[in-house]
Amino acid sequence: MIYAELKDIKIYKGINKNLDKAIDFIVEKKYLNANFGKNIVEENTIYFDYPEKVITRENIGLELEYHKKYIDIHIVLEGEEAIAYTPFEDCIETQSYDTKKDIAFMTGKTQAELILNTKNFLILFPKEPHLPLLKVSKIKDIKKLVFKIEI
């Protein structure tokens, strides 16, 4: 997991060639004129989702998610959200991994909660359980992107 300021994202290049391409795309701010929905950067190896309506929520009875095939980069365009994190070994899988959707669900006690706003970002690697879209102070609409980078 990498949690840092958006202005510093380019220092994380060198981990993976697809991640490097996504970082270049982000540094060049090419995502700012995106359409709602799925936006392709490079075939199915790099894309991002820009949902039209996103509302934060309370962390009551929600399950963490994890991926195996894609790295996530979470970027908030307006508002703020919290993303909960729990180490993989401290979770119990509740819904098996779906290879087509690259997602599985787990329960586990939150061990960290990271606040995302317009100045920072979060990179989550495969098998890092996380729970996005949690309220910070109150439930509200936000605008955000989630990049998916195949490793």
N, C-alpha and C. Protein backbone atom coordinates (compact mmCIF):
# COMPACT_ATOMS: atom_id res chain seq x y z
N MET A 1 0.85 -1.16 0.00
CA MET A 1 0.00 0.00 0.00
C MET A 1 0.90 1.23 0.00
N ILE A 2 0.48 2.23 -0.76
CA ILE A 2 1.17 3.52 -0.79
C ILE A 2 0.13 4.60 -0.58
N TYR A 3 0.33 5.41 0.43
CA TYR A 3 -0.58 6.52 0.75
C TYR A 3 0.29 7.77 0.81
N ALA A 4 0.06 8.69 -0.12
CA ALA A 4 0.93 9.86 -0.20
C ALA A 4 0.21 11.01 -0.89
N GLU A 5 0.93 12.12 -1.00
CA GLU A 5 0.37 13.29 -1.67
C GLU A 5 0.42 13.11 -3.19
N LEU A 6 -0.64 13.53 -3.85
CA LEU A 6 -0.76 13.39 -5.29
C LEU A 6 0.39 14.08 -6.03
N LYS A 7 0.86 15.19 -5.51
CA LYS A 7 1.95 15.91 -6.18
C LYS A 7 3.24 15.09 -6.21
N ASP A 8 3.34 14.06 -5.37
CA ASP A 8 4.55 13.24 -5.30
C ASP A 8 4.40 11.87 -5.96
N ILE A 9 3.32 11.63 -6.68
CA ILE A 9 3.06 10.29 -7.20
C ILE A 9 4.17 9.77 -8.12
N LYS A 10 4.83 10.64 -8.85
CA LYS A 10 5.83 10.16 -9.82
C LYS A 10 7.06 9.53 -9.15
N ILE A 11 7.27 9.76 -7.87
CA ILE A 11 8.42 9.12 -7.21
C ILE A 11 8.18 7.62 -7.02
N TYR A 12 6.98 7.14 -7.27
CA TYR A 12 6.67 5.72 -7.11
C TYR A 12 6.78 4.94 -8.41
N LYS A 13 7.36 5.56 -9.42
CA LYS A 13 7.61 4.85 -10.67
C LYS A 13 8.74 3.85 -10.47
N GLY A 14 8.71 2.78 -11.26
CA GLY A 14 9.76 1.77 -11.20
C GLY A 14 9.32 0.47 -10.57
N ILE A 15 8.10 0.42 -10.05
CA ILE A 15 7.59 -0.80 -9.41
C ILE A 15 7.10 -1.79 -10.47
N ASN A 16 6.41 -1.26 -11.49
CA ASN A 16 5.79 -2.08 -12.52
C ASN A 16 5.57 -1.20 -13.75
N LYS A 17 5.80 -1.74 -14.95
CA LYS A 17 5.69 -0.91 -16.17
C LYS A 17 4.28 -0.37 -16.39
N ASN A 18 3.25 -1.15 -16.09
CA ASN A 18 1.89 -0.65 -16.24
C ASN A 18 1.58 0.42 -15.21
N LEU A 19 2.08 0.25 -14.00
CA LEU A 19 1.90 1.28 -12.97
C LEU A 19 2.60 2.57 -13.40
N ASP A 20 3.77 2.45 -14.00
CA ASP A 20 4.48 3.63 -14.52
C ASP A 20 3.64 4.38 -15.54
N LYS A 21 3.00 3.65 -16.45
CA LYS A 21 2.15 4.29 -17.47
C LYS A 21 0.96 5.00 -16.83
N ALA A 22 0.36 4.36 -15.83
CA ALA A 22 -0.78 4.97 -15.13
C ALA A 22 -0.33 6.23 -14.39
N ILE A 23 0.82 6.16 -13.76
CA ILE A 23 1.34 7.33 -13.05
C ILE A 23 1.60 8.47 -14.02
N ASP A 24 2.18 8.20 -15.18
CA ASP A 24 2.40 9.24 -16.19
C ASP A 24 1.07 9.87 -16.60
N PHE A 25 0.06 9.04 -16.81
CA PHE A 25 -1.28 9.50 -17.18
C PHE A 25 -1.85 10.43 -16.10
N ILE A 26 -1.64 10.06 -14.83
CA ILE A 26 -2.12 10.87 -13.72
C ILE A 26 -1.35 12.17 -13.60
N VAL A 27 -0.02 12.11 -13.73
CA VAL A 27 0.82 13.31 -13.65
C VAL A 27 0.42 14.32 -14.73
N GLU A 28 0.09 13.82 -15.92
CA GLU A 28 -0.32 14.68 -17.03
C GLU A 28 -1.77 15.14 -16.91
N LYS A 29 -2.46 14.70 -15.85
CA LYS A 29 -3.85 15.08 -15.55
C LYS A 29 -4.82 14.77 -16.70
N LYS A 30 -4.54 13.71 -17.43
CA LYS A 30 -5.39 13.32 -18.55
C LYS A 30 -6.76 12.83 -18.11
N TYR A 31 -6.92 12.51 -16.85
CA TYR A 31 -8.19 12.01 -16.32
C TYR A 31 -9.21 13.12 -16.06
N LEU A 32 -8.78 14.37 -16.09
CA LEU A 32 -9.67 15.47 -15.71
C LEU A 32 -10.85 15.66 -16.66
N ASN A 33 -10.73 15.24 -17.90
CA ASN A 33 -11.84 15.38 -18.85
C ASN A 33 -12.53 14.05 -19.12
N ALA A 34 -12.51 13.16 -18.16
CA ALA A 34 -13.07 11.82 -18.33
C ALA A 34 -14.58 11.82 -18.38
N ASN A 35 -15.10 10.81 -19.03
CA ASN A 35 -16.54 10.55 -19.03
C ASN A 35 -16.87 9.65 -17.85
N PHE A 36 -18.11 9.71 -17.39
CA PHE A 36 -18.53 8.79 -16.35
C PHE A 36 -18.47 7.37 -16.87
N GLY A 37 -18.15 6.44 -16.00
CA GLY A 37 -18.06 5.04 -16.39
C GLY A 37 -16.62 4.60 -16.56
N LYS A 38 -16.44 3.55 -17.35
CA LYS A 38 -15.12 2.98 -17.58
C LYS A 38 -14.38 3.77 -18.65
N ASN A 39 -13.15 4.19 -18.34
CA ASN A 39 -12.31 4.94 -19.26
C ASN A 39 -11.04 4.14 -19.51
N ILE A 40 -10.80 3.79 -20.77
CA ILE A 40 -9.65 2.97 -21.13
C ILE A 40 -8.42 3.86 -21.31
N VAL A 41 -7.33 3.48 -20.66
CA VAL A 41 -6.05 4.15 -20.85
C VAL A 41 -5.22 3.32 -21.82
N GLU A 42 -5.14 2.01 -21.57
CA GLU A 42 -4.43 1.08 -22.46
C GLU A 42 -5.12 -0.27 -22.40
N GLU A 43 -5.96 -0.53 -23.41
CA GLU A 43 -6.72 -1.78 -23.52
C GLU A 43 -7.31 -2.15 -22.16
N ASN A 44 -7.19 -3.40 -21.74
CA ASN A 44 -7.70 -3.78 -20.42
C ASN A 44 -6.59 -3.87 -19.38
N THR A 45 -5.40 -3.39 -19.73
CA THR A 45 -4.30 -3.44 -18.76
C THR A 45 -4.30 -2.22 -17.85
N ILE A 46 -4.80 -1.09 -18.34
CA ILE A 46 -4.90 0.13 -17.54
C ILE A 46 -6.20 0.83 -17.90
N TYR A 47 -7.05 1.02 -16.91
CA TYR A 47 -8.28 1.77 -17.11
C TYR A 47 -8.68 2.38 -15.78
N PHE A 48 -9.68 3.26 -15.83
CA PHE A 48 -10.20 3.79 -14.58
C PHE A 48 -11.70 3.95 -14.65
N ASP A 49 -12.31 3.81 -13.50
CA ASP A 49 -13.75 3.96 -13.38
C ASP A 49 -14.04 5.32 -12.77
N TYR A 50 -14.97 6.02 -13.36
CA TYR A 50 -15.40 7.32 -12.87
C TYR A 50 -16.92 7.25 -12.67
N PRO A 51 -17.35 6.77 -11.50
CA PRO A 51 -18.79 6.63 -11.28
C PRO A 51 -19.49 7.98 -11.19
N GLU A 52 -20.70 8.02 -11.73
CA GLU A 52 -21.45 9.28 -11.77
C GLU A 52 -21.94 9.70 -10.39
N LYS A 53 -22.36 8.75 -9.59
CA LYS A 53 -22.92 9.07 -8.27
C LYS A 53 -22.21 8.22 -7.22
N VAL A 54 -21.51 8.88 -6.32
CA VAL A 54 -20.79 8.18 -5.25
C VAL A 54 -21.15 8.84 -3.93
N ILE A 55 -21.57 8.01 -2.98
CA ILE A 55 -21.94 8.52 -1.66
C ILE A 55 -21.16 7.73 -0.61
N THR A 56 -20.57 8.46 0.34
CA THR A 56 -19.86 7.78 1.42
C THR A 56 -20.88 7.10 2.33
N ARG A 57 -20.38 6.23 3.21
CA ARG A 57 -21.28 5.42 4.04
C ARG A 57 -20.64 5.13 5.39
N GLU A 58 -21.47 4.64 6.30
CA GLU A 58 -21.00 4.25 7.63
C GLU A 58 -20.38 2.85 7.53
N ASN A 59 -19.39 2.58 8.33
CA ASN A 59 -18.76 1.26 8.35
C ASN A 59 -19.50 0.36 9.35
N ILE A 60 -20.69 -0.03 8.95
CA ILE A 60 -21.51 -0.91 9.79
C ILE A 60 -21.90 -2.12 8.95
N GLY A 61 -21.36 -3.27 9.29
CA GLY A 61 -21.71 -4.51 8.61
C GLY A 61 -21.19 -4.63 7.19
N LEU A 62 -20.22 -3.81 6.82
CA LEU A 62 -19.67 -3.84 5.46
C LEU A 62 -18.47 -4.78 5.40
N GLU A 63 -18.20 -5.31 4.23
CA GLU A 63 -17.08 -6.23 4.05
C GLU A 63 -15.97 -5.57 3.25
N LEU A 64 -14.75 -5.98 3.55
CA LEU A 64 -13.59 -5.51 2.81
C LEU A 64 -13.54 -6.25 1.47
N GLU A 65 -12.86 -5.65 0.52
CA GLU A 65 -12.65 -6.29 -0.77
C GLU A 65 -11.15 -6.43 -1.02
N TYR A 66 -10.80 -7.38 -1.87
CA TYR A 66 -9.41 -7.47 -2.32
C TYR A 66 -9.39 -7.94 -3.76
N HIS A 67 -8.27 -7.74 -4.41
CA HIS A 67 -8.09 -8.10 -5.81
C HIS A 67 -6.83 -8.95 -5.96
N LYS A 68 -6.73 -9.68 -7.06
CA LYS A 68 -5.54 -10.48 -7.34
C LYS A 68 -4.82 -10.04 -8.61
N LYS A 69 -5.57 -9.51 -9.56
CA LYS A 69 -5.02 -9.23 -10.89
C LYS A 69 -4.65 -7.76 -11.09
N TYR A 70 -5.32 -6.87 -10.39
CA TYR A 70 -5.14 -5.44 -10.61
C TYR A 70 -4.70 -4.70 -9.35
N ILE A 71 -3.87 -3.70 -9.56
CA ILE A 71 -3.54 -2.71 -8.54
C ILE A 71 -4.64 -1.64 -8.63
N ASP A 72 -5.06 -1.09 -7.50
CA ASP A 72 -6.00 0.04 -7.47
C ASP A 72 -5.24 1.32 -7.16
N ILE A 73 -5.62 2.40 -7.82
CA ILE A 73 -5.20 3.74 -7.39
C ILE A 73 -6.49 4.53 -7.16
N HIS A 74 -6.71 4.96 -5.94
CA HIS A 74 -7.89 5.75 -5.57
C HIS A 74 -7.51 7.23 -5.54
N ILE A 75 -8.29 8.04 -6.27
CA ILE A 75 -8.08 9.48 -6.32
C ILE A 75 -9.43 10.17 -6.14
N VAL A 76 -9.52 11.06 -5.17
CA VAL A 76 -10.74 11.82 -4.93
C VAL A 76 -10.65 13.15 -5.67
N LEU A 77 -11.67 13.46 -6.46
CA LEU A 77 -11.72 14.72 -7.21
C LEU A 77 -12.44 15.82 -6.45
N GLU A 78 -13.46 15.45 -5.67
CA GLU A 78 -14.22 16.41 -4.84
C GLU A 78 -14.65 15.70 -3.57
N GLY A 79 -14.51 16.37 -2.44
CA GLY A 79 -14.93 15.81 -1.17
C GLY A 79 -13.83 15.02 -0.50
N GLU A 80 -14.24 14.09 0.35
CA GLU A 80 -13.29 13.25 1.06
C GLU A 80 -13.95 11.94 1.45
N GLU A 81 -13.13 10.93 1.60
CA GLU A 81 -13.59 9.62 2.03
C GLU A 81 -12.53 8.99 2.92
N ALA A 82 -12.95 8.02 3.68
CA ALA A 82 -12.00 7.19 4.43
C ALA A 82 -12.00 5.82 3.77
N ILE A 83 -10.82 5.19 3.77
CA ILE A 83 -10.71 3.82 3.28
C ILE A 83 -10.09 3.00 4.41
N ALA A 84 -10.81 1.96 4.82
CA ALA A 84 -10.34 1.08 5.89
C ALA A 84 -9.42 0.02 5.31
N TYR A 85 -8.46 -0.41 6.12
CA TYR A 85 -7.51 -1.44 5.71
C TYR A 85 -7.33 -2.44 6.85
N THR A 86 -7.22 -3.71 6.48
CA THR A 86 -6.91 -4.79 7.41
C THR A 86 -5.95 -5.75 6.71
N PRO A 87 -4.89 -6.19 7.37
CA PRO A 87 -3.99 -7.16 6.74
C PRO A 87 -4.73 -8.44 6.33
N PHE A 88 -4.32 -8.98 5.21
CA PHE A 88 -4.96 -10.17 4.63
C PHE A 88 -5.05 -11.31 5.64
N GLU A 89 -3.97 -11.56 6.36
CA GLU A 89 -3.94 -12.69 7.29
C GLU A 89 -4.87 -12.51 8.49
N ASP A 90 -5.37 -11.30 8.70
CA ASP A 90 -6.30 -11.03 9.80
C ASP A 90 -7.76 -11.02 9.36
N CYS A 91 -8.02 -11.50 8.16
CA CYS A 91 -9.38 -11.50 7.60
C CYS A 91 -9.87 -12.92 7.33
N ILE A 92 -11.18 -13.03 7.20
CA ILE A 92 -11.82 -14.29 6.83
C ILE A 92 -12.61 -14.04 5.56
N GLU A 93 -12.35 -14.83 4.54
CA GLU A 93 -13.06 -14.66 3.26
C GLU A 93 -14.52 -15.06 3.41
N THR A 94 -15.41 -14.19 2.93
CA THR A 94 -16.84 -14.44 3.00
C THR A 94 -17.46 -14.71 1.63
N GLN A 95 -16.78 -14.21 0.60
CA GLN A 95 -17.24 -14.45 -0.78
C GLN A 95 -16.02 -14.76 -1.61
N SER A 96 -15.99 -15.93 -2.23
CA SER A 96 -14.83 -16.40 -2.99
C SER A 96 -14.45 -15.43 -4.11
N TYR A 97 -13.21 -15.53 -4.48
CA TYR A 97 -12.65 -14.70 -5.54
C TYR A 97 -13.37 -14.96 -6.86
N ASP A 98 -13.81 -13.89 -7.50
CA ASP A 98 -14.45 -13.93 -8.81
C ASP A 98 -13.41 -13.50 -9.84
N THR A 99 -12.95 -14.44 -10.67
CA THR A 99 -11.87 -14.14 -11.62
C THR A 99 -12.28 -13.11 -12.67
N LYS A 100 -13.54 -13.11 -13.08
CA LYS A 100 -14.00 -12.16 -14.10
C LYS A 100 -14.04 -10.73 -13.56
N LYS A 101 -14.45 -10.58 -12.31
CA LYS A 101 -14.57 -9.24 -11.71
C LYS A 101 -13.33 -8.86 -10.90
N ASP A 102 -12.39 -9.80 -10.72
CA ASP A 102 -11.18 -9.59 -9.92
C ASP A 102 -11.52 -9.03 -8.54
N ILE A 103 -12.38 -9.75 -7.83
CA ILE A 103 -12.77 -9.28 -6.50
C ILE A 103 -13.21 -10.45 -5.63
N ALA A 104 -12.91 -10.33 -4.35
CA ALA A 104 -13.42 -11.23 -3.32
C ALA A 104 -13.72 -10.36 -2.11
N PHE A 105 -14.51 -10.89 -1.18
CA PHE A 105 -14.90 -10.12 0.00
C PHE A 105 -14.50 -10.85 1.27
N MET A 106 -14.20 -10.05 2.30
CA MET A 106 -13.71 -10.58 3.56
C MET A 106 -14.25 -9.77 4.73
N THR A 107 -14.20 -10.37 5.91
CA THR A 107 -14.47 -9.62 7.13
C THR A 107 -13.18 -9.58 7.93
N GLY A 108 -13.05 -8.54 8.70
CA GLY A 108 -11.88 -8.38 9.55
C GLY A 108 -11.95 -7.05 10.27
N LYS A 109 -11.30 -6.96 11.40
CA LYS A 109 -11.30 -5.74 12.19
C LYS A 109 -10.41 -4.69 11.53
N THR A 110 -10.96 -3.51 11.30
CA THR A 110 -10.20 -2.42 10.70
C THR A 110 -8.98 -2.09 11.55
N GLN A 111 -7.82 -2.06 10.91
CA GLN A 111 -6.59 -1.75 11.63
C GLN A 111 -6.03 -0.38 11.25
N ALA A 112 -6.51 0.17 10.15
CA ALA A 112 -6.11 1.52 9.75
C ALA A 112 -7.23 2.12 8.93
N GLU A 113 -7.39 3.43 9.06
CA GLU A 113 -8.36 4.15 8.25
C GLU A 113 -7.65 5.35 7.67
N LEU A 114 -7.58 5.41 6.36
CA LEU A 114 -6.86 6.46 5.66
C LEU A 114 -7.85 7.45 5.05
N ILE A 115 -7.58 8.73 5.23
CA ILE A 115 -8.46 9.77 4.71
C ILE A 115 -7.94 10.21 3.34
N LEU A 116 -8.82 10.14 2.35
CA LEU A 116 -8.48 10.61 1.01
C LEU A 116 -9.23 11.89 0.72
N ASN A 117 -8.52 12.85 0.14
CA ASN A 117 -9.12 14.09 -0.32
C ASN A 117 -8.49 14.44 -1.65
N THR A 118 -8.64 15.65 -2.10
CA THR A 118 -8.15 16.03 -3.43
C THR A 118 -6.63 16.17 -3.49
N LYS A 119 -5.95 16.11 -2.35
CA LYS A 119 -4.50 16.31 -2.33
C LYS A 119 -3.69 15.03 -2.22
N ASN A 120 -4.35 13.88 -2.01
CA ASN A 120 -3.58 12.66 -1.85
C ASN A 120 -4.14 11.52 -2.69
N PHE A 121 -3.53 10.35 -2.58
CA PHE A 121 -3.95 9.18 -3.32
C PHE A 121 -3.61 7.94 -2.50
N LEU A 122 -4.18 6.81 -2.90
CA LEU A 122 -3.90 5.54 -2.25
C LEU A 122 -3.72 4.49 -3.33
N ILE A 123 -2.58 3.78 -3.28
CA ILE A 123 -2.34 2.64 -4.16
C ILE A 123 -2.49 1.39 -3.30
N LEU A 124 -3.34 0.48 -3.76
CA LEU A 124 -3.54 -0.80 -3.08
C LEU A 124 -3.11 -1.92 -4.02
N PHE A 125 -2.26 -2.78 -3.53
CA PHE A 125 -1.75 -3.89 -4.32
C PHE A 125 -2.62 -5.13 -4.09
N PRO A 126 -2.49 -6.14 -4.96
CA PRO A 126 -3.28 -7.36 -4.78
C PRO A 126 -3.13 -7.92 -3.36
N LYS A 127 -4.22 -8.48 -2.90
CA LYS A 127 -4.35 -9.09 -1.57
C LYS A 127 -4.14 -8.10 -0.43
N GLU A 128 -4.53 -6.83 -0.67
CA GLU A 128 -4.58 -5.84 0.39
C GLU A 128 -6.05 -5.48 0.62
N PRO A 129 -6.69 -6.13 1.59
CA PRO A 129 -8.12 -5.90 1.84
C PRO A 129 -8.40 -4.45 2.24
N HIS A 130 -9.40 -3.89 1.61
CA HIS A 130 -9.75 -2.49 1.87
C HIS A 130 -11.26 -2.29 1.74
N LEU A 131 -11.72 -1.24 2.38
CA LEU A 131 -13.14 -0.89 2.37
C LEU A 131 -13.24 0.59 2.04
N PRO A 132 -13.55 0.92 0.78
CA PRO A 132 -13.63 2.32 0.37
C PRO A 132 -14.97 2.97 0.69
N LEU A 133 -15.03 4.25 0.42
CA LEU A 133 -16.26 5.05 0.49
C LEU A 133 -16.85 5.17 1.88
N LEU A 134 -15.99 5.24 2.88
CA LEU A 134 -16.48 5.43 4.23
C LEU A 134 -16.55 6.92 4.54
N LYS A 135 -17.53 7.30 5.33
CA LYS A 135 -17.69 8.72 5.67
C LYS A 135 -16.52 9.17 6.54
N VAL A 136 -16.18 10.45 6.43
CA VAL A 136 -15.16 11.03 7.29
C VAL A 136 -15.84 11.69 8.48
N SER A 137 -16.66 12.69 8.24
CA SER A 137 -17.40 13.33 9.34
C SER A 137 -18.91 13.08 9.19
N LYS A 138 -19.37 13.13 7.94
CA LYS A 138 -20.79 12.84 7.69
C LYS A 138 -20.92 12.21 6.31
N ILE A 139 -22.02 11.55 6.07
CA ILE A 139 -22.28 10.93 4.78
C ILE A 139 -22.52 12.04 3.76
N LYS A 140 -21.81 11.94 2.62
CA LYS A 140 -21.99 12.96 1.57
C LYS A 140 -21.55 12.45 0.22
N ASP A 141 -21.98 13.16 -0.82
CA ASP A 141 -21.58 12.84 -2.19
C ASP A 141 -20.12 13.23 -2.38
N ILE A 142 -19.40 12.41 -3.13
CA ILE A 142 -18.04 12.76 -3.53
C ILE A 142 -17.86 12.41 -4.99
N LYS A 143 -16.77 12.87 -5.57
CA LYS A 143 -16.37 12.47 -6.92
C LYS A 143 -15.01 11.83 -6.79
N LYS A 144 -14.86 10.64 -7.40
CA LYS A 144 -13.58 9.94 -7.30
C LYS A 144 -13.35 9.06 -8.50
N LEU A 145 -12.11 8.68 -8.68
CA LEU A 145 -11.68 7.75 -9.72
C LEU A 145 -11.00 6.57 -9.06
N VAL A 146 -11.14 5.41 -9.67
CA VAL A 146 -10.36 4.25 -9.25
C VAL A 146 -9.69 3.69 -10.50
N PHE A 147 -8.37 3.83 -10.53
CA PHE A 147 -7.58 3.26 -11.62
C PHE A 147 -7.36 1.79 -11.33
N LYS A 148 -7.39 0.97 -12.39
CA LYS A 148 -7.11 -0.45 -12.30
C LYS A 148 -5.92 -0.73 -13.21
N ILE A 149 -4.85 -1.28 -12.61
CA ILE A 149 -3.61 -1.51 -13.35
C ILE A 149 -3.25 -2.99 -13.25
N GLU A 150 -3.22 -3.67 -14.38
CA GLU A 150 -2.89 -5.09 -14.38
C GLU A 150 -1.42 -5.30 -14.06
N ILE A 151 -1.17 -6.29 -13.18
CA ILE A 151 0.24 -6.59 -12.86
C ILE A 151 0.63 -7.92 -13.47
